[in-house]
Amino acid sequence: MDGQKIKQDEIHIGQNIRRIRLEKGVGQTELVRRMQLEGVSITRETLVKIERETQHIQAVQLRGIRDALGTTYEELLR
């Protein structure tokens, strides 16, 4: 399941990630660093593509972002 990709067709996950990240004052590099420390394989370039919604997000990445930003799935998927 961790390799499962989540399409961003109707739910703008990338926009929500960016909004929450900026509200919390976390830069992209910092978010990636936090995720990598938790064992989530992601690069800054991948995060940029996810936020721009040009790349689907994997379930493991979504969980890592949720944990690193201290938010909820509900907030990320609204």
C-alpha atoms as a PDB file:
ATOM      1  CA  MET A   1       0.000   0.000   0.000  1.00  0.00           C
ATOM      2  CA  ASP A   2       2.874   2.401   0.666  1.00  0.00           C
ATOM      3  CA  GLY A   3       3.689   2.451  -3.056  1.00  0.00           C
ATOM      4  CA  GLN A   4       0.118   3.412  -3.903  1.00  0.00           C
ATOM      5  CA  LYS A   5      -0.194   6.729  -5.722  1.00  0.00           C
ATOM      6  CA  ILE A   6      -2.966   9.162  -4.974  1.00  0.00           C
ATOM      7  CA  LYS A   7      -4.310  11.147  -7.919  1.00  0.00           C
ATOM      8  CA  GLN A   8      -4.760  14.862  -7.451  1.00  0.00           C
ATOM      9  CA  ASP A   9      -7.595  15.304  -9.931  1.00  0.00           C
ATOM     10  CA  GLU A  10     -10.371  16.618  -7.715  1.00  0.00           C
ATOM     11  CA  ILE A  11      -8.558  16.926  -4.404  1.00  0.00           C
ATOM     12  CA  HIS A  12      -5.789  19.498  -4.608  1.00  0.00           C
ATOM     13  CA  ILE A  13      -3.412  17.822  -2.183  1.00  0.00           C
ATOM     14  CA  GLY A  14      -0.393  19.707  -3.492  1.00  0.00           C
ATOM     15  CA  GLN A  15      -2.023  23.081  -2.897  1.00  0.00           C
ATOM     16  CA  ASN A  16      -3.047  21.993   0.599  1.00  0.00           C
ATOM     17  CA  ILE A  17       0.485  20.797   1.401  1.00  0.00           C
ATOM     18  CA  ARG A  18       1.950  24.112   0.267  1.00  0.00           C
ATOM     19  CA  ARG A  19      -0.637  26.143   2.214  1.00  0.00           C
ATOM     20  CA  ILE A  20      -0.120  24.197   5.445  1.00  0.00           C
ATOM     21  CA  ARG A  21       3.656  24.221   5.055  1.00  0.00           C
ATOM     22  CA  LEU A  22       3.696  28.001   4.597  1.00  0.00           C
ATOM     23  CA  GLU A  23       1.259  28.554   7.489  1.00  0.00           C
ATOM     24  CA  LYS A  24       3.655  26.639   9.730  1.00  0.00           C
ATOM     25  CA  GLY A  25       6.685  28.512   8.386  1.00  0.00           C
ATOM     26  CA  VAL A  26       8.409  25.373   7.083  1.00  0.00           C
ATOM     27  CA  GLY A  27      10.539  25.593   3.935  1.00  0.00           C
ATOM     28  CA  GLN A  28      10.603  22.864   1.319  1.00  0.00           C
ATOM     29  CA  THR A  29      14.152  21.832   2.209  1.00  0.00           C
ATOM     30  CA  GLU A  30      13.246  21.611   5.900  1.00  0.00           C
ATOM     31  CA  LEU A  31      10.156  19.508   5.174  1.00  0.00           C
ATOM     32  CA  VAL A  32      12.187  17.124   3.017  1.00  0.00           C
ATOM     33  CA  ARG A  33      14.843  16.861   5.737  1.00  0.00           C
ATOM     34  CA  ARG A  34      12.226  16.017   8.375  1.00  0.00           C
ATOM     35  CA  MET A  35      10.714  13.356   6.152  1.00  0.00           C
ATOM     36  CA  GLN A  36      14.079  11.813   5.309  1.00  0.00           C
ATOM     37  CA  LEU A  37      14.916  11.612   9.025  1.00  0.00           C
ATOM     38  CA  GLU A  38      11.739   9.547   9.438  1.00  0.00           C
ATOM     39  CA  GLY A  39      12.805   7.208   6.628  1.00  0.00           C
ATOM     40  CA  VAL A  40      10.603   8.612   3.865  1.00  0.00           C
ATOM     41  CA  SER A  41      12.480   8.713   0.577  1.00  0.00           C
ATOM     42  CA  ILE A  42      11.781  12.076  -1.089  1.00  0.00           C
ATOM     43  CA  THR A  43      13.754  14.850  -2.729  1.00  0.00           C
ATOM     44  CA  ARG A  44      13.054  18.562  -2.829  1.00  0.00           C
ATOM     45  CA  GLU A  45      12.426  18.248  -6.564  1.00  0.00           C
ATOM     46  CA  THR A  46       9.763  15.628  -5.910  1.00  0.00           C
ATOM     47  CA  LEU A  47       8.115  17.850  -3.284  1.00  0.00           C
ATOM     48  CA  VAL A  48       8.053  20.749  -5.759  1.00  0.00           C
ATOM     49  CA  LYS A  49       6.313  18.539  -8.349  1.00  0.00           C
ATOM     50  CA  ILE A  50       3.800  17.308  -5.755  1.00  0.00           C
ATOM     51  CA  GLU A  51       3.000  20.864  -4.658  1.00  0.00           C
ATOM     52  CA  ARG A  52       2.596  21.941  -8.300  1.00  0.00           C
ATOM     53  CA  GLU A  53       0.396  18.878  -8.820  1.00  0.00           C
ATOM     54  CA  THR A  54       2.476  17.656 -11.762  1.00  0.00           C
ATOM     55  CA  GLN A  55       3.318  14.412  -9.930  1.00  0.00           C
ATOM     56  CA  HIS A  56       1.050  12.097  -7.984  1.00  0.00           C
ATOM     57  CA  ILE A  57       1.882  11.624  -4.324  1.00  0.00           C
ATOM     58  CA  GLN A  58       2.560   8.193  -2.866  1.00  0.00           C
ATOM     59  CA  ALA A  59       0.713   7.108   0.261  1.00  0.00           C
ATOM     60  CA  VAL A  60       3.974   6.846   2.225  1.00  0.00           C
ATOM     61  CA  GLN A  61       4.881  10.404   1.197  1.00  0.00           C
ATOM     62  CA  LEU A  62       1.477  11.709   2.259  1.00  0.00           C
ATOM     63  CA  ARG A  63       1.868  10.046   5.656  1.00  0.00           C
ATOM     64  CA  GLY A  64       5.377  11.510   5.992  1.00  0.00           C
ATOM     65  CA  ILE A  65       4.161  15.005   5.149  1.00  0.00           C
ATOM     66  CA  ARG A  66       1.288  14.662   7.594  1.00  0.00           C
ATOM     67  CA  ASP A  67       3.665  13.643  10.382  1.00  0.00           C
ATOM     68  CA  ALA A  68       6.382  16.179   9.516  1.00  0.00           C
ATOM     69  CA  LEU A  69       3.898  19.068   9.451  1.00  0.00           C
ATOM     70  CA  GLY A  70       1.937  17.871  12.480  1.00  0.00           C
ATOM     71  CA  THR A  71      -1.358  17.992  10.604  1.00  0.00           C
ATOM     72  CA  THR A  72      -4.143  15.561   9.726  1.00  0.00           C
ATOM     73  CA  TYR A  73      -5.215  13.653   6.630  1.00  0.00           C
ATOM     74  CA  GLU A  74      -8.469  15.609   6.757  1.00  0.00           C
ATOM     75  CA  GLU A  75      -6.607  18.898   6.450  1.00  0.00           C
ATOM     76  CA  LEU A  76      -4.409  17.595   3.627  1.00  0.00           C
ATOM     77  CA  LEU A  77      -7.322  16.110   1.663  1.00  0.00           C
ATOM     78  CA  ARG A  78      -9.948  18.829   2.061  1.00  0.00           C
END
